[in-house]
Amino acid sequence: MPVRRALHAGSWYTNSGPELSRQLDYWLKQADLSHGPARAIIAPHAGYQYCGACGGHAYRQISPVVVRRIFILGPSHHVRLSGCALSSAQKYRTPLYDLHIDSKVNEDLSATGQFEWMDLDTDENEHSIEMHLPYIAKVMESFKHQFTIVPILVGSLTPEREACYGRILSNYLGDPQNLFVISSDFCHWGQRFRYTYYDRSYGNIHQSIEGLDRAGMNIIETLNPTDFTNYLKKYGNTICGRHPIGILLQAVQDLMRNDRSQSASLKFLKYAQSSQCRNMDDSSVSYASAALVFE
């Protein structure tokens, strides 16, 4: 039985189960339940010292009583992918407890002909999915034997491919027992990221970065995938989870096209930066948390 180890435990977050549980509990209690029960969330995937508190605002919106299956869409950082890939593991380790992969859904997705399989090395090296596993385990701990996960590694997709995956996944998004976790950090700013866009009308560099991010967040809240694609083309904002976000927006559009009674609302709840950039030698990564509900 292939098991994915938690390779980033002990560096990106603590590998002590009790300490991790306390930390996550604290961040969840700091957040308000204001936009739930979430059918999907957008949350960051950096080291917890940078974004753990921000992520709590998204995870607070989840109703674990309802959820029985969790799709986790994370961008690929290390391998080139023109589509999406499924995990060949059967279990994912966390310092809290093991999470089980939904093999039936994996088979169904594979049968569409649109998904590849990632090998265990690729799976273990990638952090964009792993950083969500402890939060998922914490939120779902009272129902730990009653849910499965579907990790999906997302490559560099064209808008057409985003629409294709959106159509496939919209069937699952329509089921209240399914939750979608969209893994994304926002602007990676600085010369080490080869991105130094600066609109001086905002004031300091960090204010310009926030203005740029919030413009994108406002567009994401409109749930319009075309407008989001156009925003990315115009500004080139280095949102690493732009393709998972694009898939979510396409899935929502497809769902509402096929069921006119569905009304969706996506709202950003928290924004943070790893540091405040004031000169061109500085660098930072931005983090944002959002929740999607159907009304």
C-alpha atoms as a PDB file:
ATOM      1  CA  MET A   1       0.000   0.000   0.000  1.00  0.00           C
ATOM      2  CA  PRO A   2       1.814   3.180  -1.178  1.00  0.00           C
ATOM      3  CA  VAL A   3       1.903   5.784   1.596  1.00  0.00           C
ATOM      4  CA  ARG A   4       2.925   9.399   1.044  1.00  0.00           C
ATOM      5  CA  ARG A   5       5.207  10.570   3.842  1.00  0.00           C
ATOM      6  CA  ALA A   6       4.863  14.069   5.317  1.00  0.00           C
ATOM      7  CA  LEU A   7       8.279  15.224   4.066  1.00  0.00           C
ATOM      8  CA  HIS A   8       7.754  18.890   5.019  1.00  0.00           C
ATOM      9  CA  ALA A   9       6.894  18.110   8.651  1.00  0.00           C
ATOM     10  CA  GLY A  10       9.709  19.229  10.922  1.00  0.00           C
ATOM     11  CA  SER A  11      10.687  22.118   8.609  1.00  0.00           C
ATOM     12  CA  TRP A  12       7.659  23.878   7.104  1.00  0.00           C
ATOM     13  CA  TYR A  13       5.552  22.989  10.158  1.00  0.00           C
ATOM     14  CA  THR A  14       6.119  21.092  13.395  1.00  0.00           C
ATOM     15  CA  ASN A  15       6.260  17.291  13.301  1.00  0.00           C
ATOM     16  CA  SER A  16       4.923  17.096  16.864  1.00  0.00           C
ATOM     17  CA  GLY A  17       1.261  16.024  16.736  1.00  0.00           C
ATOM     18  CA  PRO A  18       0.233  17.625  20.066  1.00  0.00           C
ATOM     19  CA  GLU A  19       2.051  20.883  19.281  1.00  0.00           C
ATOM     20  CA  LEU A  20       0.586  21.020  15.759  1.00  0.00           C
ATOM     21  CA  SER A  21      -2.908  20.360  17.103  1.00  0.00           C
ATOM     22  CA  ARG A  22      -2.595  23.222  19.627  1.00  0.00           C
ATOM     23  CA  GLN A  23      -1.270  25.591  16.974  1.00  0.00           C
ATOM     24  CA  LEU A  24      -4.057  24.855  14.487  1.00  0.00           C
ATOM     25  CA  ASP A  25      -6.681  25.039  17.237  1.00  0.00           C
ATOM     26  CA  TYR A  26      -5.415  28.481  18.219  1.00  0.00           C
ATOM     27  CA  TRP A  27      -5.533  29.840  14.655  1.00  0.00           C
ATOM     28  CA  LEU A  28      -9.029  28.449  14.078  1.00  0.00           C
ATOM     29  CA  LYS A  29     -10.274  30.082  17.283  1.00  0.00           C
ATOM     30  CA  GLN A  30      -8.820  33.429  16.174  1.00  0.00           C
ATOM     31  CA  ALA A  31     -11.044  33.366  13.074  1.00  0.00           C
ATOM     32  CA  ASP A  32     -14.773  34.097  12.839  1.00  0.00           C
ATOM     33  CA  LEU A  33     -17.317  31.853  11.150  1.00  0.00           C
ATOM     34  CA  SER A  34     -18.682  34.473   8.762  1.00  0.00           C
ATOM     35  CA  HIS A  35     -19.042  32.832   5.322  1.00  0.00           C
ATOM     36  CA  GLY A  36     -20.002  29.191   5.660  1.00  0.00           C
ATOM     37  CA  PRO A  37     -20.668  26.372   5.375  1.00  0.00           C
ATOM     38  CA  ALA A  38     -17.978  26.493   2.678  1.00  0.00           C
ATOM     39  CA  ARG A  39     -18.258  24.346  -0.437  1.00  0.00           C
ATOM     40  CA  ALA A  40     -14.767  25.486  -1.434  1.00  0.00           C
ATOM     41  CA  ILE A  41     -11.951  27.462   0.155  1.00  0.00           C
ATOM     42  CA  ILE A  42      -8.861  29.221  -1.152  1.00  0.00           C
ATOM     43  CA  ALA A  43      -5.964  29.092   1.320  1.00  0.00           C
ATOM     44  CA  PRO A  44      -2.153  29.507   1.267  1.00  0.00           C
ATOM     45  CA  HIS A  45       0.519  26.809   1.290  1.00  0.00           C
ATOM     46  CA  ALA A  46       3.687  28.401   2.706  1.00  0.00           C
ATOM     47  CA  GLY A  47       5.413  27.543   5.978  1.00  0.00           C
ATOM     48  CA  TYR A  48       2.982  27.882   8.869  1.00  0.00           C
ATOM     49  CA  GLN A  49       5.108  30.566  10.542  1.00  0.00           C
ATOM     50  CA  TYR A  50       4.211  32.794   7.582  1.00  0.00           C
ATOM     51  CA  CYS A  51       0.659  31.825   6.647  1.00  0.00           C
ATOM     52  CA  GLY A  52      -0.771  29.475   9.273  1.00  0.00           C
ATOM     53  CA  ALA A  53      -2.835  32.209  10.898  1.00  0.00           C
ATOM     54  CA  CYS A  54      -4.162  33.416   7.529  1.00  0.00           C
ATOM     55  CA  GLY A  55      -5.201  29.879   6.535  1.00  0.00           C
ATOM     56  CA  GLY A  56      -7.281  29.530   9.692  1.00  0.00           C
ATOM     57  CA  HIS A  57      -9.794  32.062   8.362  1.00  0.00           C
ATOM     58  CA  ALA A  58     -10.613  29.797   5.393  1.00  0.00           C
ATOM     59  CA  TYR A  59     -10.687  26.550   7.366  1.00  0.00           C
ATOM     60  CA  ARG A  60     -12.988  28.103   9.993  1.00  0.00           C
ATOM     61  CA  GLN A  61     -15.757  28.233   7.358  1.00  0.00           C
ATOM     62  CA  ILE A  62     -15.892  24.434   6.921  1.00  0.00           C
ATOM     63  CA  SER A  63     -18.740  22.393   8.417  1.00  0.00           C
ATOM     64  CA  PRO A  64     -17.129  18.988   9.125  1.00  0.00           C
ATOM     65  CA  VAL A  65     -20.526  17.422   9.887  1.00  0.00           C
ATOM     66  CA  VAL A  66     -21.467  17.722   6.208  1.00  0.00           C
ATOM     67  CA  VAL A  67     -18.169  16.917   4.475  1.00  0.00           C
ATOM     68  CA  ARG A  68     -17.389  13.370   3.364  1.00  0.00           C
ATOM     69  CA  ARG A  69     -14.862  13.965   0.555  1.00  0.00           C
ATOM     70  CA  ILE A  70     -12.210  16.656   0.131  1.00  0.00           C
ATOM     71  CA  PHE A  71     -10.645  17.580  -3.215  1.00  0.00           C
ATOM     72  CA  ILE A  72      -7.282  19.348  -2.834  1.00  0.00           C
ATOM     73  CA  LEU A  73      -6.074  21.221  -5.933  1.00  0.00           C
ATOM     74  CA  GLY A  74      -2.455  22.355  -5.649  1.00  0.00           C
ATOM     75  CA  PRO A  75      -0.139  23.908  -8.256  1.00  0.00           C
ATOM     76  CA  SER A  76       2.898  21.939  -9.400  1.00  0.00           C
ATOM     77  CA  HIS A  77       6.162  23.623  -8.329  1.00  0.00           C
ATOM     78  CA  HIS A  78       8.712  21.010  -9.412  1.00  0.00           C
ATOM     79  CA  VAL A  79       7.487  19.108 -12.474  1.00  0.00           C
ATOM     80  CA  ARG A  80       6.171  20.362 -15.789  1.00  0.00           C
ATOM     81  CA  LEU A  81       2.550  19.392 -16.335  1.00  0.00           C
ATOM     82  CA  SER A  82       0.263  20.522 -19.142  1.00  0.00           C
ATOM     83  CA  GLY A  83      -2.731  18.976 -17.399  1.00  0.00           C
ATOM     84  CA  CYS A  84      -3.591  17.570 -13.970  1.00  0.00           C
ATOM     85  CA  ALA A  85      -2.243  14.520 -12.135  1.00  0.00           C
ATOM     86  CA  LEU A  86      -3.707  12.180  -9.521  1.00  0.00           C
ATOM     87  CA  SER A  87      -1.916  10.586  -6.573  1.00  0.00           C
ATOM     88  CA  SER A  88      -0.833   6.945  -6.825  1.00  0.00           C
ATOM     89  CA  ALA A  89      -0.669   6.724  -3.007  1.00  0.00           C
ATOM     90  CA  GLN A  90      -3.474   5.221  -0.933  1.00  0.00           C
ATOM     91  CA  LYS A  91      -2.741   7.107   2.273  1.00  0.00           C
ATOM     92  CA  TYR A  92      -1.244  10.496   3.166  1.00  0.00           C
ATOM     93  CA  ARG A  93       0.624  10.734   6.467  1.00  0.00           C
ATOM     94  CA  THR A  94       0.241  13.731   8.780  1.00  0.00           C
ATOM     95  CA  PRO A  95       1.578  14.225  12.341  1.00  0.00           C
ATOM     96  CA  LEU A  96      -2.074  14.020  13.488  1.00  0.00           C
ATOM     97  CA  TYR A  97      -3.365  10.910  11.659  1.00  0.00           C
ATOM     98  CA  ASP A  98      -3.370   9.343   8.186  1.00  0.00           C
ATOM     99  CA  LEU A  99      -5.743  10.587   5.483  1.00  0.00           C
ATOM    100  CA  HIS A 100      -7.173   8.067   3.003  1.00  0.00           C
ATOM    101  CA  ILE A 101      -7.335   8.615  -0.770  1.00  0.00           C
ATOM    102  CA  ASP A 102     -10.675   8.060  -2.528  1.00  0.00           C
ATOM    103  CA  SER A 103      -9.617   5.362  -5.007  1.00  0.00           C
ATOM    104  CA  LYS A 104     -13.091   5.164  -6.616  1.00  0.00           C
ATOM    105  CA  VAL A 105     -13.098   8.884  -7.503  1.00  0.00           C
ATOM    106  CA  ASN A 106      -9.500   8.584  -8.749  1.00  0.00           C
ATOM    107  CA  GLU A 107     -10.597   5.761 -11.071  1.00  0.00           C
ATOM    108  CA  ASP A 108     -13.564   7.803 -12.307  1.00  0.00           C
ATOM    109  CA  LEU A 109     -11.376  10.855 -12.978  1.00  0.00           C
ATOM    110  CA  SER A 110      -8.733   8.736 -14.711  1.00  0.00           C
ATOM    111  CA  ALA A 111     -11.446   7.236 -16.937  1.00  0.00           C
ATOM    112  CA  THR A 112     -12.092  10.711 -18.430  1.00  0.00           C
ATOM    113  CA  GLY A 113      -8.683  10.482 -20.147  1.00  0.00           C
ATOM    114  CA  GLN A 114      -7.768  13.953 -18.910  1.00  0.00           C
ATOM    115  CA  PHE A 115      -5.608  13.016 -15.899  1.00  0.00           C
ATOM    116  CA  GLU A 116      -2.066  11.707 -15.508  1.00  0.00           C
ATOM    117  CA  TRP A 117      -0.684   9.921 -12.445  1.00  0.00           C
ATOM    118  CA  MET A 118       2.117  11.425 -10.363  1.00  0.00           C
ATOM    119  CA  ASP A 119       4.787   9.121  -8.952  1.00  0.00           C
ATOM    120  CA  LEU A 120       5.474   9.003  -5.224  1.00  0.00           C
ATOM    121  CA  ASP A 121       8.638  11.157  -5.460  1.00  0.00           C
ATOM    122  CA  THR A 122       6.761  13.962  -7.217  1.00  0.00           C
ATOM    123  CA  ASP A 123       3.930  13.623  -4.706  1.00  0.00           C
ATOM    124  CA  GLU A 124       6.240  13.786  -1.676  1.00  0.00           C
ATOM    125  CA  ASN A 125       8.377  16.662  -2.964  1.00  0.00           C
ATOM    126  CA  GLU A 126       5.383  18.896  -3.669  1.00  0.00           C
ATOM    127  CA  HIS A 127       4.341  21.128  -0.762  1.00  0.00           C
ATOM    128  CA  SER A 128       1.248  22.799  -2.243  1.00  0.00           C
ATOM    129  CA  ILE A 129      -1.014  19.880  -1.269  1.00  0.00           C
ATOM    130  CA  GLU A 130       0.834  18.726   1.868  1.00  0.00           C
ATOM    131  CA  MET A 131       0.548  22.093   3.632  1.00  0.00           C
ATOM    132  CA  HIS A 132      -3.251  21.672   3.705  1.00  0.00           C
ATOM    133  CA  LEU A 133      -3.278  18.164   5.155  1.00  0.00           C
ATOM    134  CA  PRO A 134      -2.749  19.093   8.848  1.00  0.00           C
ATOM    135  CA  TYR A 135      -5.528  21.703   8.665  1.00  0.00           C
ATOM    136  CA  ILE A 136      -7.851  19.178   7.008  1.00  0.00           C
ATOM    137  CA  ALA A 137      -6.982  16.562   9.644  1.00  0.00           C
ATOM    138  CA  LYS A 138      -7.618  19.076  12.447  1.00  0.00           C
ATOM    139  CA  VAL A 139     -10.959  20.359  11.152  1.00  0.00           C
ATOM    140  CA  MET A 140     -12.182  16.818  10.400  1.00  0.00           C
ATOM    141  CA  GLU A 141     -10.798  15.076  13.516  1.00  0.00           C
ATOM    142  CA  SER A 142     -14.237  14.269  14.970  1.00  0.00           C
ATOM    143  CA  PHE A 143     -15.052  12.489  11.679  1.00  0.00           C
ATOM    144  CA  LYS A 144     -11.609  11.048  10.928  1.00  0.00           C
ATOM    145  CA  HIS A 145     -12.943   7.686   9.702  1.00  0.00           C
ATOM    146  CA  GLN A 146     -15.785   9.153   7.662  1.00  0.00           C
ATOM    147  CA  PHE A 147     -14.087  11.107   4.881  1.00  0.00           C
ATOM    148  CA  THR A 148     -11.639  10.619   2.005  1.00  0.00           C
ATOM    149  CA  ILE A 149      -9.378  12.973   0.058  1.00  0.00           C
ATOM    150  CA  VAL A 150      -8.740  13.478  -3.665  1.00  0.00           C
ATOM    151  CA  PRO A 151      -5.398  15.263  -4.187  1.00  0.00           C
ATOM    152  CA  ILE A 152      -4.989  16.779  -7.662  1.00  0.00           C
ATOM    153  CA  LEU A 153      -1.705  18.290  -8.861  1.00  0.00           C
ATOM    154  CA  VAL A 154      -2.436  21.113 -11.316  1.00  0.00           C
ATOM    155  CA  GLY A 155      -0.020  22.041 -14.110  1.00  0.00           C
ATOM    156  CA  SER A 156       0.315  25.094 -16.366  1.00  0.00           C
ATOM    157  CA  LEU A 157      -3.093  25.072 -18.000  1.00  0.00           C
ATOM    158  CA  THR A 158      -4.498  27.037 -20.905  1.00  0.00           C
ATOM    159  CA  PRO A 159      -7.890  28.691 -20.255  1.00  0.00           C
ATOM    160  CA  GLU A 160      -9.407  25.936 -22.414  1.00  0.00           C
ATOM    161  CA  ARG A 161      -7.888  23.234 -20.204  1.00  0.00           C
ATOM    162  CA  GLU A 162      -9.093  25.049 -17.079  1.00  0.00           C
ATOM    163  CA  ALA A 163     -12.604  24.975 -18.559  1.00  0.00           C
ATOM    164  CA  CYS A 164     -12.253  21.251 -19.351  1.00  0.00           C
ATOM    165  CA  TYR A 165     -11.291  20.375 -15.757  1.00  0.00           C
ATOM    166  CA  GLY A 166     -13.944  22.766 -14.459  1.00  0.00           C
ATOM    167  CA  ARG A 167     -16.619  20.840 -16.370  1.00  0.00           C
ATOM    168  CA  ILE A 168     -15.369  17.495 -15.025  1.00  0.00           C
ATOM    169  CA  LEU A 169     -15.188  18.687 -11.408  1.00  0.00           C
ATOM    170  CA  SER A 170     -18.428  20.720 -11.416  1.00  0.00           C
ATOM    171  CA  ASN A 171     -20.382  17.483 -10.883  1.00  0.00           C
ATOM    172  CA  TYR A 172     -18.539  17.000  -7.597  1.00  0.00           C
ATOM    173  CA  LEU A 173     -18.737  20.670  -6.599  1.00  0.00           C
ATOM    174  CA  GLY A 174     -22.529  20.426  -6.823  1.00  0.00           C
ATOM    175  CA  ASP A 175     -22.630  17.843  -4.008  1.00  0.00           C
ATOM    176  CA  PRO A 176     -22.722  19.440  -0.510  1.00  0.00           C
ATOM    177  CA  GLN A 177     -20.799  16.436   0.864  1.00  0.00           C
ATOM    178  CA  ASN A 178     -17.782  17.443  -1.243  1.00  0.00           C
ATOM    179  CA  LEU A 179     -15.368  20.197  -0.225  1.00  0.00           C
ATOM    180  CA  PHE A 180     -12.786  21.791  -2.532  1.00  0.00           C
ATOM    181  CA  VAL A 181      -9.519  23.136  -1.123  1.00  0.00           C
ATOM    182  CA  ILE A 182      -7.781  25.447  -3.591  1.00  0.00           C
ATOM    183  CA  SER A 183      -4.125  25.851  -2.693  1.00  0.00           C
ATOM    184  CA  SER A 184      -2.628  29.235  -3.624  1.00  0.00           C
ATOM    185  CA  ASP A 185      -0.264  31.899  -2.397  1.00  0.00           C
ATOM    186  CA  PHE A 186      -0.654  35.327  -3.975  1.00  0.00           C
ATOM    187  CA  CYS A 187       1.954  37.795  -5.246  1.00  0.00           C
ATOM    188  CA  HIS A 188       5.580  36.611  -5.097  1.00  0.00           C
ATOM    189  CA  TRP A 189       7.357  39.972  -5.292  1.00  0.00           C
ATOM    190  CA  GLY A 190      11.056  40.719  -5.638  1.00  0.00           C
ATOM    191  CA  GLN A 191      14.042  40.187  -7.887  1.00  0.00           C
ATOM    192  CA  ARG A 192      14.423  36.585  -6.729  1.00  0.00           C
ATOM    193  CA  PHE A 193      10.931  35.946  -8.153  1.00  0.00           C
ATOM    194  CA  ARG A 194      11.682  38.011 -11.300  1.00  0.00           C
ATOM    195  CA  TYR A 195       8.632  40.146 -10.557  1.00  0.00           C
ATOM    196  CA  THR A 196       8.946  43.769  -9.439  1.00  0.00           C
ATOM    197  CA  TYR A 197       5.742  45.468 -10.618  1.00  0.00           C
ATOM    198  CA  TYR A 198       5.376  48.736  -8.699  1.00  0.00           C
ATOM    199  CA  ASP A 199       2.558  51.271  -9.043  1.00  0.00           C
ATOM    200  CA  ARG A 200       3.897  54.288  -7.128  1.00  0.00           C
ATOM    201  CA  SER A 201       0.457  55.844  -6.831  1.00  0.00           C
ATOM    202  CA  TYR A 202      -0.217  53.385  -3.974  1.00  0.00           C
ATOM    203  CA  GLY A 203       2.720  54.683  -1.898  1.00  0.00           C
ATOM    204  CA  ASN A 204       5.180  52.085  -0.589  1.00  0.00           C
ATOM    205  CA  ILE A 205       5.968  48.903  -2.524  1.00  0.00           C
ATOM    206  CA  HIS A 206       4.016  46.709  -0.078  1.00  0.00           C
ATOM    207  CA  GLN A 207       0.957  48.919  -0.586  1.00  0.00           C
ATOM    208  CA  SER A 208       1.284  48.542  -4.356  1.00  0.00           C
ATOM    209  CA  ILE A 209       1.515  44.755  -3.936  1.00  0.00           C
ATOM    210  CA  GLU A 210      -1.618  44.744  -1.773  1.00  0.00           C
ATOM    211  CA  GLY A 211      -3.459  46.908  -4.305  1.00  0.00           C
ATOM    212  CA  LEU A 212      -2.488  44.498  -7.092  1.00  0.00           C
ATOM    213  CA  ASP A 213      -3.529  41.444  -5.071  1.00  0.00           C
ATOM    214  CA  ARG A 214      -6.824  42.991  -3.993  1.00  0.00           C
ATOM    215  CA  ALA A 215      -7.676  43.857  -7.601  1.00  0.00           C
ATOM    216  CA  GLY A 216      -7.255  40.149  -8.403  1.00  0.00           C
ATOM    217  CA  MET A 217      -9.183  39.073  -5.305  1.00  0.00           C
ATOM    218  CA  ASN A 218     -12.082  41.367  -6.281  1.00  0.00           C
ATOM    219  CA  ILE A 219     -12.205  39.745  -9.720  1.00  0.00           C
ATOM    220  CA  ILE A 220     -12.107  36.234  -8.228  1.00  0.00           C
ATOM    221  CA  GLU A 221     -15.079  37.220  -6.040  1.00  0.00           C
ATOM    222  CA  THR A 222     -17.098  37.974  -9.204  1.00  0.00           C
ATOM    223  CA  LEU A 223     -16.572  34.299 -10.186  1.00  0.00           C
ATOM    224  CA  ASN A 224     -15.727  35.306 -13.761  1.00  0.00           C
ATOM    225  CA  PRO A 225     -12.903  33.106 -15.128  1.00  0.00           C
ATOM    226  CA  THR A 226     -12.401  35.222 -18.275  1.00  0.00           C
ATOM    227  CA  ASP A 227     -11.917  38.417 -16.272  1.00  0.00           C
ATOM    228  CA  PHE A 228      -9.413  36.622 -14.022  1.00  0.00           C
ATOM    229  CA  THR A 229      -7.440  35.381 -17.063  1.00  0.00           C
ATOM    230  CA  ASN A 230      -7.407  38.922 -18.486  1.00  0.00           C
ATOM    231  CA  TYR A 231      -6.192  40.330 -15.152  1.00  0.00           C
ATOM    232  CA  LEU A 232      -3.305  37.841 -15.098  1.00  0.00           C
ATOM    233  CA  LYS A 233      -2.387  38.727 -18.699  1.00  0.00           C
ATOM    234  CA  LYS A 234      -2.424  42.431 -17.924  1.00  0.00           C
ATOM    235  CA  TYR A 235      -0.381  42.429 -14.707  1.00  0.00           C
ATOM    236  CA  GLY A 236       1.421  39.084 -14.735  1.00  0.00           C
ATOM    237  CA  ASN A 237       0.759  38.774 -11.003  1.00  0.00           C
ATOM    238  CA  THR A 238       2.704  35.770  -9.699  1.00  0.00           C
ATOM    239  CA  ILE A 239      -0.267  34.009  -8.060  1.00  0.00           C
ATOM    240  CA  CYS A 240       1.079  30.451  -7.956  1.00  0.00           C
ATOM    241  CA  GLY A 241      -2.356  28.838  -7.621  1.00  0.00           C
ATOM    242  CA  ARG A 242      -3.859  30.756 -10.526  1.00  0.00           C
ATOM    243  CA  HIS A 243      -4.697  27.552 -12.429  1.00  0.00           C
ATOM    244  CA  PRO A 244      -6.415  25.788  -9.492  1.00  0.00           C
ATOM    245  CA  ILE A 245      -8.357  29.043  -8.949  1.00  0.00           C
ATOM    246  CA  GLY A 246      -9.202  29.093 -12.668  1.00  0.00           C
ATOM    247  CA  ILE A 247     -10.534  25.521 -12.464  1.00  0.00           C
ATOM    248  CA  LEU A 248     -12.731  26.458  -9.488  1.00  0.00           C
ATOM    249  CA  LEU A 249     -14.156  29.496 -11.296  1.00  0.00           C
ATOM    250  CA  GLN A 250     -14.901  27.374 -14.374  1.00  0.00           C
ATOM    251  CA  ALA A 251     -16.548  24.677 -12.229  1.00  0.00           C
ATOM    252  CA  VAL A 252     -18.787  27.264 -10.553  1.00  0.00           C
ATOM    253  CA  GLN A 253     -19.788  28.735 -13.933  1.00  0.00           C
ATOM    254  CA  ASP A 254     -20.552  25.274 -15.331  1.00  0.00           C
ATOM    255  CA  LEU A 255     -22.618  24.367 -12.284  1.00  0.00           C
ATOM    256  CA  MET A 256     -24.685  27.558 -12.452  1.00  0.00           C
ATOM    257  CA  ARG A 257     -25.196  27.197 -16.217  1.00  0.00           C
ATOM    258  CA  ASN A 258     -26.652  23.721 -15.713  1.00  0.00           C
ATOM    259  CA  ASP A 259     -28.677  24.553 -12.617  1.00  0.00           C
ATOM    260  CA  ARG A 260     -30.205  28.031 -12.654  1.00  0.00           C
ATOM    261  CA  SER A 261     -31.388  27.621  -9.052  1.00  0.00           C
ATOM    262  CA  GLN A 262     -27.770  27.589  -7.805  1.00  0.00           C
ATOM    263  CA  SER A 263     -26.419  30.901  -6.500  1.00  0.00           C
ATOM    264  CA  ALA A 264     -22.768  31.086  -5.419  1.00  0.00           C
ATOM    265  CA  SER A 265     -20.913  33.650  -3.328  1.00  0.00           C
ATOM    266  CA  LEU A 266     -17.120  33.768  -2.898  1.00  0.00           C
ATOM    267  CA  LYS A 267     -15.649  36.083  -0.309  1.00  0.00           C
ATOM    268  CA  PHE A 268     -12.079  36.828   0.776  1.00  0.00           C
ATOM    269  CA  LEU A 269     -11.741  36.872   4.551  1.00  0.00           C
ATOM    270  CA  LYS A 270      -8.072  37.550   5.278  1.00  0.00           C
ATOM    271  CA  TYR A 271      -4.991  38.981   3.556  1.00  0.00           C
ATOM    272  CA  ALA A 272      -1.390  38.971   4.775  1.00  0.00           C
ATOM    273  CA  GLN A 273       2.188  39.416   3.529  1.00  0.00           C
ATOM    274  CA  SER A 274       5.319  37.594   4.692  1.00  0.00           C
ATOM    275  CA  SER A 275       7.054  40.986   5.065  1.00  0.00           C
ATOM    276  CA  GLN A 276       6.525  44.603   3.994  1.00  0.00           C
ATOM    277  CA  CYS A 277       8.629  45.547   0.972  1.00  0.00           C
ATOM    278  CA  ARG A 278       9.960  49.114   1.001  1.00  0.00           C
ATOM    279  CA  ASN A 279      12.836  48.993  -1.480  1.00  0.00           C
ATOM    280  CA  MET A 280      13.632  47.140  -4.690  1.00  0.00           C
ATOM    281  CA  ASP A 281      15.982  44.710  -2.907  1.00  0.00           C
ATOM    282  CA  ASP A 282      13.210  43.435  -0.630  1.00  0.00           C
ATOM    283  CA  SER A 283      10.981  40.442  -1.357  1.00  0.00           C
ATOM    284  CA  SER A 284       7.715  39.058  -0.023  1.00  0.00           C
ATOM    285  CA  VAL A 285       4.963  36.541  -0.629  1.00  0.00           C
ATOM    286  CA  SER A 286       1.289  37.400  -0.120  1.00  0.00           C
ATOM    287  CA  TYR A 287      -1.368  35.127   1.367  1.00  0.00           C
ATOM    288  CA  ALA A 288      -5.158  35.252   1.144  1.00  0.00           C
ATOM    289  CA  SER A 289      -8.010  33.112   2.463  1.00  0.00           C
ATOM    290  CA  ALA A 290     -11.474  32.864   0.907  1.00  0.00           C
ATOM    291  CA  ALA A 291     -14.608  30.747   1.133  1.00  0.00           C
ATOM    292  CA  LEU A 292     -17.244  29.838  -1.461  1.00  0.00           C
ATOM    293  CA  VAL A 293     -20.815  29.125  -0.398  1.00  0.00           C
ATOM    294  CA  PHE A 294     -23.936  28.177  -2.334  1.00  0.00           C
ATOM    295  CA  GLU A 295     -27.067  30.038  -1.289  1.00  0.00           C
END
